C-alpha cells in the first residue's frame, strides 16, 4: 500500500533536509539550502561537500523535507 506524502513546497533560500533513496550522500539525510527551482519538479540545492567547499546539485522536490523543529532555533 502506497503512503501519500504531504505536499511541501520549499521557498528559495529555505534550509531543508535531503533524504534520497540510495547512496552514501543520502544516508541519514543531508542538510541543504534551496537555491532555485528547475524543471520537472526538481530543485537546485547547495550543500557543504567533503572538501568543505559549497556544492550545488539537483534533487527531486519529493526528496526534500522540512527540518526537525528546534534544530536551528
PDB file of N, CA and C in Angstrom:
ATOM      1  N   UNK A   1       0.842  -1.163   0.000  1.00  0.00           N
ATOM      2  CA  UNK A   1       0.000   0.000   0.000  1.00  0.00           C
ATOM      3  C   UNK A   1       0.904   1.248   0.000  1.00  0.00           C
ATOM      4  N   UNK A   2       0.682   2.124  -0.907  1.00  0.00           N
ATOM      5  CA  UNK A   2       1.497   3.332  -1.016  1.00  0.00           C
ATOM      6  C   UNK A   2       1.015   4.391  -0.036  1.00  0.00           C
ATOM      7  N   UNK A   3       1.982   5.052   0.597  1.00  0.00           N
ATOM      8  CA  UNK A   3       1.642   6.142   1.501  1.00  0.00           C
ATOM      9  C   UNK A   3       1.595   7.443   0.729  1.00  0.00           C
ATOM     10  N   UNK A   4       0.644   8.267   1.051  1.00  0.00           N
ATOM     11  CA  UNK A   4       0.536   9.565   0.404  1.00  0.00           C
ATOM     12  C   UNK A   4       1.355  10.576   1.201  1.00  0.00           C
ATOM     13  N   UNK A   5       2.356  11.170   0.533  1.00  0.00           N
ATOM     14  CA  UNK A   5       3.193  12.154   1.196  1.00  0.00           C
ATOM     15  C   UNK A   5       2.491  13.500   1.188  1.00  0.00           C
ATOM     16  N   UNK A   6       2.747  14.271   2.223  1.00  0.00           N
ATOM     17  CA  UNK A   6       2.193  15.613   2.245  1.00  0.00           C
ATOM     18  C   UNK A   6       2.983  16.480   1.270  1.00  0.00           C
ATOM     19  N   UNK A   7       2.300  17.386   0.633  1.00  0.00           N
ATOM     20  CA  UNK A   7       2.920  18.246  -0.360  1.00  0.00           C
ATOM     21  C   UNK A   7       3.581  19.413   0.357  1.00  0.00           C
ATOM     22  N   UNK A   8       4.894  19.564   0.150  1.00  0.00           N
ATOM     23  CA  UNK A   8       5.647  20.654   0.757  1.00  0.00           C
ATOM     24  C   UNK A   8       6.413  21.366  -0.346  1.00  0.00           C
ATOM     25  N   UNK A   9       6.191  22.658  -0.486  1.00  0.00           N
ATOM     26  CA  UNK A   9       6.857  23.456  -1.498  1.00  0.00           C
ATOM     27  C   UNK A   9       7.870  24.368  -0.809  1.00  0.00           C
ATOM     28  N   UNK A  10       9.161  24.011  -0.814  1.00  0.00           N
ATOM     29  CA  UNK A  10      10.153  24.857  -0.147  1.00  0.00           C
ATOM     30  C   UNK A  10      10.369  26.162  -0.905  1.00  0.00           C
ATOM     31  N   UNK A  11      10.520  27.231  -0.168  1.00  0.00           N
ATOM     32  CA  UNK A  11      10.797  28.540  -0.756  1.00  0.00           C
ATOM     33  C   UNK A  11      12.292  28.635  -1.049  1.00  0.00           C
ATOM     34  N   UNK A  12      12.666  29.537  -1.957  1.00  0.00           N
ATOM     35  CA  UNK A  12      14.065  29.771  -2.282  1.00  0.00           C
ATOM     36  C   UNK A  12      14.758  30.313  -1.028  1.00  0.00           C
ATOM     37  N   UNK A  13      15.906  29.751  -0.682  1.00  0.00           N
ATOM     38  CA  UNK A  13      16.646  30.167   0.498  1.00  0.00           C
ATOM     39  C   UNK A  13      16.335  29.356   1.743  1.00  0.00           C
ATOM     40  N   UNK A  14      15.378  28.455   1.671  1.00  0.00           N
ATOM     41  CA  UNK A  14      14.985  27.628   2.806  1.00  0.00           C
ATOM     42  C   UNK A  14      16.029  26.542   3.059  1.00  0.00           C
ATOM     43  N   UNK A  15      16.318  26.266   4.322  1.00  0.00           N
ATOM     44  CA  UNK A  15      17.176  25.139   4.686  1.00  0.00           C
ATOM     45  C   UNK A  15      16.263  23.926   4.862  1.00  0.00           C
ATOM     46  N   UNK A  16      16.621  22.830   4.186  1.00  0.00           N
ATOM     47  CA  UNK A  16      15.789  21.633   4.205  1.00  0.00           C
ATOM     48  C   UNK A  16      16.663  20.408   4.422  1.00  0.00           C
ATOM     49  N   UNK A  17      16.036  19.286   4.622  1.00  0.00           N
ATOM     50  CA  UNK A  17      16.727  18.017   4.767  1.00  0.00           C
ATOM     51  C   UNK A  17      16.505  17.203   3.497  1.00  0.00           C
ATOM     52  N   UNK A  18      17.600  16.756   2.873  1.00  0.00           N
ATOM     53  CA  UNK A  18      17.510  15.933   1.672  1.00  0.00           C
ATOM     54  C   UNK A  18      17.621  14.475   2.090  1.00  0.00           C
ATOM     55  N   UNK A  19      16.629  13.689   1.745  1.00  0.00           N
ATOM     56  CA  UNK A  19      16.621  12.269   2.058  1.00  0.00           C
ATOM     57  C   UNK A  19      16.428  11.513   0.752  1.00  0.00           C
ATOM     58  N   UNK A  20      17.520  11.024   0.192  1.00  0.00           N
ATOM     59  CA  UNK A  20      17.472  10.304  -1.075  1.00  0.00           C
ATOM     60  C   UNK A  20      17.142   8.840  -0.879  1.00  0.00           C
ATOM     61  N   UNK A  21      17.132   8.102  -1.958  1.00  0.00           N
ATOM     62  CA  UNK A  21      16.768   6.687  -1.888  1.00  0.00           C
ATOM     63  C   UNK A  21      17.968   5.783  -1.651  1.00  0.00           C
ATOM     64  N   UNK A  22      19.126   6.121  -2.205  1.00  0.00           N
ATOM     65  CA  UNK A  22      20.293   5.253  -2.084  1.00  0.00           C
ATOM     66  C   UNK A  22      21.562   6.091  -2.168  1.00  0.00           C
ATOM     67  N   UNK A  23      22.661   5.473  -1.845  1.00  0.00           N
ATOM     68  CA  UNK A  23      23.947   6.130  -1.961  1.00  0.00           C
ATOM     69  C   UNK A  23      24.458   6.672  -0.642  1.00  0.00           C
ATOM     70  N   UNK A  24      25.744   6.969  -0.610  1.00  0.00           N
ATOM     71  CA  UNK A  24      26.381   7.462   0.600  1.00  0.00           C
ATOM     72  C   UNK A  24      25.918   8.866   0.951  1.00  0.00           C
ATOM     73  N   UNK A  25      25.602   9.668  -0.044  1.00  0.00           N
ATOM     74  CA  UNK A  25      25.192  11.053   0.192  1.00  0.00           C
ATOM     75  C   UNK A  25      23.920  11.127   1.016  1.00  0.00           C
ATOM     76  N   UNK A  26      22.985  10.254   0.752  1.00  0.00           N
ATOM     77  CA  UNK A  26      21.666  10.353   1.372  1.00  0.00           C
ATOM     78  C   UNK A  26      21.533   9.567   2.666  1.00  0.00           C
ATOM     79  N   UNK A  27      22.540   8.836   3.056  1.00  0.00           N
ATOM     80  CA  UNK A  27      22.431   8.005   4.250  1.00  0.00           C
ATOM     81  C   UNK A  27      22.263   8.872   5.492  1.00  0.00           C
ATOM     82  N   UNK A  28      21.105   8.817   6.091  1.00  0.00           N
ATOM     83  CA  UNK A  28      20.834   9.584   7.296  1.00  0.00           C
ATOM     84  C   UNK A  28      20.384  11.007   7.040  1.00  0.00           C
ATOM     85  N   UNK A  29      20.234  11.390   5.807  1.00  0.00           N
ATOM     86  CA  UNK A  29      19.794  12.741   5.489  1.00  0.00           C
ATOM     87  C   UNK A  29      20.961  13.690   5.307  1.00  0.00           C
ATOM     88  N   UNK A  30      20.711  14.809   4.680  1.00  0.00           N
ATOM     89  CA  UNK A  30      21.732  15.778   4.359  1.00  0.00           C
ATOM     90  C   UNK A  30      21.075  17.148   4.404  1.00  0.00           C
ATOM     91  N   UNK A  31      21.614  18.074   5.183  1.00  0.00           N
ATOM     92  CA  UNK A  31      21.039  19.416   5.254  1.00  0.00           C
ATOM     93  C   UNK A  31      21.503  20.233   4.058  1.00  0.00           C
ATOM     94  N   UNK A  32      20.553  20.821   3.346  1.00  0.00           N
ATOM     95  CA  UNK A  32      20.838  21.585   2.139  1.00  0.00           C
ATOM     96  C   UNK A  32      20.083  22.910   2.181  1.00  0.00           C
ATOM     97  N   UNK A  33      20.524  23.849   1.328  1.00  0.00           N
ATOM     98  CA  UNK A  33      19.825  25.123   1.167  1.00  0.00           C
ATOM     99  C   UNK A  33      19.274  25.170  -0.248  1.00  0.00           C
ATOM    100  N   UNK A  34      18.000  25.483  -0.390  1.00  0.00           N
ATOM    101  CA  UNK A  34      17.355  25.538  -1.702  1.00  0.00           C
ATOM    102  C   UNK A  34      17.805  26.809  -2.406  1.00  0.00           C
ATOM    103  N   UNK A  35      18.375  26.650  -3.607  1.00  0.00           N
ATOM    104  CA  UNK A  35      18.896  27.779  -4.367  1.00  0.00           C
ATOM    105  C   UNK A  35      17.894  28.236  -5.418  1.00  0.00           C
ATOM    106  N   UNK A  36      17.312  27.282  -6.153  1.00  0.00           N
ATOM    107  CA  UNK A  36      16.391  27.638  -7.235  1.00  0.00           C
ATOM    108  C   UNK A  36      15.494  26.451  -7.558  1.00  0.00           C
ATOM    109  N   UNK A  37      14.421  26.751  -8.285  1.00  0.00           N
ATOM    110  CA  UNK A  37      13.530  25.712  -8.786  1.00  0.00           C
ATOM    111  C   UNK A  37      13.874  25.474 -10.244  1.00  0.00           C
ATOM    112  N   UNK A  38      14.004  24.211 -10.627  1.00  0.00           N
ATOM    113  CA  UNK A  38      14.305  23.882 -12.015  1.00  0.00           C
ATOM    114  C   UNK A  38      13.100  23.173 -12.622  1.00  0.00           C
ATOM    115  N   UNK A  39      13.261  22.601 -13.779  1.00  0.00           N
ATOM    116  CA  UNK A  39      12.143  21.951 -14.448  1.00  0.00           C
ATOM    117  C   UNK A  39      11.896  20.552 -13.901  1.00  0.00           C
ATOM    118  N   UNK A  40      10.776  19.991 -14.270  1.00  0.00           N
ATOM    119  CA  UNK A  40      10.381  18.610 -13.946  1.00  0.00           C
ATOM    120  C   UNK A  40      10.337  18.350 -12.447  1.00  0.00           C
ATOM    121  N   UNK A  41       9.819  19.311 -11.673  1.00  0.00           N
ATOM    122  CA  UNK A  41       9.601  19.132 -10.231  1.00  0.00           C
ATOM    123  C   UNK A  41      10.904  18.858  -9.481  1.00  0.00           C
ATOM    124  N   UNK A  42      11.971  19.519  -9.875  1.00  0.00           N
ATOM    125  CA  UNK A  42      13.275  19.376  -9.236  1.00  0.00           C
ATOM    126  C   UNK A  42      13.728  20.713  -8.671  1.00  0.00           C
ATOM    127  N   UNK A  43      14.636  20.638  -7.690  1.00  0.00           N
ATOM    128  CA  UNK A  43      15.152  21.836  -7.039  1.00  0.00           C
ATOM    129  C   UNK A  43      16.672  21.818  -7.086  1.00  0.00           C
ATOM    130  N   UNK A  44      17.270  22.984  -7.314  1.00  0.00           N
ATOM    131  CA  UNK A  44      18.714  23.144  -7.245  1.00  0.00           C
ATOM    132  C   UNK A  44      19.041  23.474  -5.801  1.00  0.00           C
ATOM    133  N   UNK A  45      19.897  22.664  -5.167  1.00  0.00           N
ATOM    134  CA  UNK A  45      20.235  22.853  -3.764  1.00  0.00           C
ATOM    135  C   UNK A  45      21.740  23.008  -3.615  1.00  0.00           C
ATOM    136  N   UNK A  46      22.138  23.545  -2.473  1.00  0.00           N
ATOM    137  CA  UNK A  46      23.551  23.748  -2.178  1.00  0.00           C
ATOM    138  C   UNK A  46      23.854  23.120  -0.823  1.00  0.00           C
ATOM    139  N   UNK A  47      24.982  22.424  -0.744  1.00  0.00           N
ATOM    140  CA  UNK A  47      25.394  21.776   0.496  1.00  0.00           C
ATOM    141  C   UNK A  47      26.903  21.917   0.637  1.00  0.00           C
ATOM    142  N   UNK A  48      27.423  21.552   1.785  1.00  0.00           N
ATOM    143  CA  UNK A  48      28.865  21.578   2.011  1.00  0.00           C
ATOM    144  C   UNK A  48      29.426  20.215   1.599  1.00  0.00           C
ATOM    145  N   UNK A  49      30.398  20.225   0.674  1.00  0.00           N
ATOM    146  CA  UNK A  49      30.987  18.988   0.173  1.00  0.00           C
ATOM    147  C   UNK A  49      32.055  18.441   1.097  1.00  0.00           C
ATOM    148  N   UNK A  50      32.677  17.364   0.683  1.00  0.00           N
ATOM    149  CA  UNK A  50      33.696  16.698   1.504  1.00  0.00           C
ATOM    150  C   UNK A  50      34.915  17.579   1.739  1.00  0.00           C
ATOM    151  N   UNK A  51      35.265  18.396   0.765  1.00  0.00           N
ATOM    152  CA  UNK A  51      36.445  19.259   0.909  1.00  0.00           C
ATOM    153  C   UNK A  51      36.122  20.546   1.664  1.00  0.00           C
ATOM    154  N   UNK A  52      34.864  20.746   2.035  1.00  0.00           N
ATOM    155  CA  UNK A  52      34.463  21.932   2.771  1.00  0.00           C
ATOM    156  C   UNK A  52      33.977  23.069   1.903  1.00  0.00           C
ATOM    157  N   UNK A  53      33.988  22.876   0.611  1.00  0.00           N
ATOM    158  CA  UNK A  53      33.505  23.914  -0.295  1.00  0.00           C
ATOM    159  C   UNK A  53      32.044  23.656  -0.661  1.00  0.00           C
ATOM    160  N   UNK A  54      31.292  24.725  -0.998  1.00  0.00           N
ATOM    161  CA  UNK A  54      29.881  24.536  -1.373  1.00  0.00           C
ATOM    162  C   UNK A  54      29.743  23.758  -2.677  1.00  0.00           C
ATOM    163  N   UNK A  55      28.775  22.858  -2.699  1.00  0.00           N
ATOM    164  CA  UNK A  55      28.493  22.033  -3.872  1.00  0.00           C
ATOM    165  C   UNK A  55      27.027  22.210  -4.217  1.00  0.00           C
ATOM    166  N   UNK A  56      26.734  22.403  -5.496  1.00  0.00           N
ATOM    167  CA  UNK A  56      25.346  22.522  -5.949  1.00  0.00           C
ATOM    168  C   UNK A  56      24.972  21.294  -6.761  1.00  0.00           C
ATOM    169  N   UNK A  57      23.759  20.793  -6.524  1.00  0.00           N
ATOM    170  CA  UNK A  57      23.252  19.657  -7.275  1.00  0.00           C
ATOM    171  C   UNK A  57      21.737  19.724  -7.319  1.00  0.00           C
ATOM    172  N   UNK A  58      21.144  18.956  -8.211  1.00  0.00           N
ATOM    173  CA  UNK A  58      19.702  18.956  -8.422  1.00  0.00           C
ATOM    174  C   UNK A  58      19.095  17.718  -7.780  1.00  0.00           C
ATOM    175  N   UNK A  59      17.979  17.921  -7.053  1.00  0.00           N
ATOM    176  CA  UNK A  59      17.279  16.814  -6.409  1.00  0.00           C
ATOM    177  C   UNK A  59      15.789  16.926  -6.708  1.00  0.00           C
ATOM    178  N   UNK A  60      15.081  15.820  -6.563  1.00  0.00           N
ATOM    179  CA  UNK A  60      13.636  15.847  -6.719  1.00  0.00           C
ATOM    180  C   UNK A  60      13.018  16.516  -5.498  1.00  0.00           C
ATOM    181  N   UNK A  61      11.987  17.302  -5.726  1.00  0.00           N
ATOM    182  CA  UNK A  61      11.325  18.013  -4.638  1.00  0.00           C
ATOM    183  C   UNK A  61      10.728  17.042  -3.624  1.00  0.00           C
ATOM    184  N   UNK A  62      10.297  15.882  -4.080  1.00  0.00           N
ATOM    185  CA  UNK A  62       9.689  14.904  -3.171  1.00  0.00           C
ATOM    186  C   UNK A  62      10.695  14.348  -2.165  1.00  0.00           C
ATOM    187  N   UNK A  63      12.006  14.483  -2.435  1.00  0.00           N
ATOM    188  CA  UNK A  63      13.028  14.001  -1.512  1.00  0.00           C
ATOM    189  C   UNK A  63      13.473  15.067  -0.517  1.00  0.00           C
ATOM    190  N   UNK A  64      12.873  16.242  -0.558  1.00  0.00           N
ATOM    191  CA  UNK A  64      13.174  17.291   0.406  1.00  0.00           C
ATOM    192  C   UNK A  64      12.113  17.310   1.491  1.00  0.00           C
ATOM    193  N   UNK A  65      12.546  17.521   2.707  1.00  0.00           N
ATOM    194  CA  UNK A  65      11.623  17.585   3.839  1.00  0.00           C
ATOM    195  C   UNK A  65      12.026  18.757   4.721  1.00  0.00           C
ATOM    196  N   UNK A  66      11.057  19.344   5.435  1.00  0.00           N
ATOM    197  CA  UNK A  66      11.416  20.428   6.356  1.00  0.00           C
ATOM    198  C   UNK A  66      12.293  19.902   7.488  1.00  0.00           C
ATOM    199  N   UNK A  67      13.129  20.783   8.036  1.00  0.00           N
ATOM    200  CA  UNK A  67      13.984  20.390   9.151  1.00  0.00           C
ATOM    201  C   UNK A  67      13.151  20.086  10.385  1.00  0.00           C
ATOM    202  N   UNK A  68      13.720  19.296  11.254  1.00  0.00           N
ATOM    203  CA  UNK A  68      13.049  18.979  12.514  1.00  0.00           C
ATOM    204  C   UNK A  68      12.922  20.244  13.355  1.00  0.00           C
ATOM    205  N   UNK A  69      11.862  20.391  14.104  1.00  0.00           N
ATOM    206  CA  UNK A  69      11.688  21.604  14.923  1.00  0.00           C
ATOM    207  C   UNK A  69      12.810  21.720  15.962  1.00  0.00           C
ATOM    208  N   UNK A  70      13.297  22.948  16.106  1.00  0.00           N
ATOM    209  CA  UNK A  70      14.294  23.228  17.113  1.00  0.00           C
ATOM    210  C   UNK A  70      15.731  22.952  16.694  1.00  0.00           C
ATOM    211  N   UNK A  71      15.965  22.526  15.466  1.00  0.00           N
ATOM    212  CA  UNK A  71      17.326  22.202  15.051  1.00  0.00           C
ATOM    213  C   UNK A  71      18.186  23.456  14.969  1.00  0.00           C
ATOM    214  N   UNK A  72      17.660  24.519  14.371  1.00  0.00           N
ATOM    215  CA  UNK A  72      18.407  25.761  14.256  1.00  0.00           C
ATOM    216  C   UNK A  72      17.707  26.908  14.977  1.00  0.00           C
ATOM    217  N   UNK A  73      16.893  26.626  15.950  1.00  0.00           N
ATOM    218  CA  UNK A  73      16.188  27.682  16.703  1.00  0.00           C
ATOM    219  C   UNK A  73      17.085  28.264  17.764  1.00  0.00           C
TER     220      UNK A  73
END
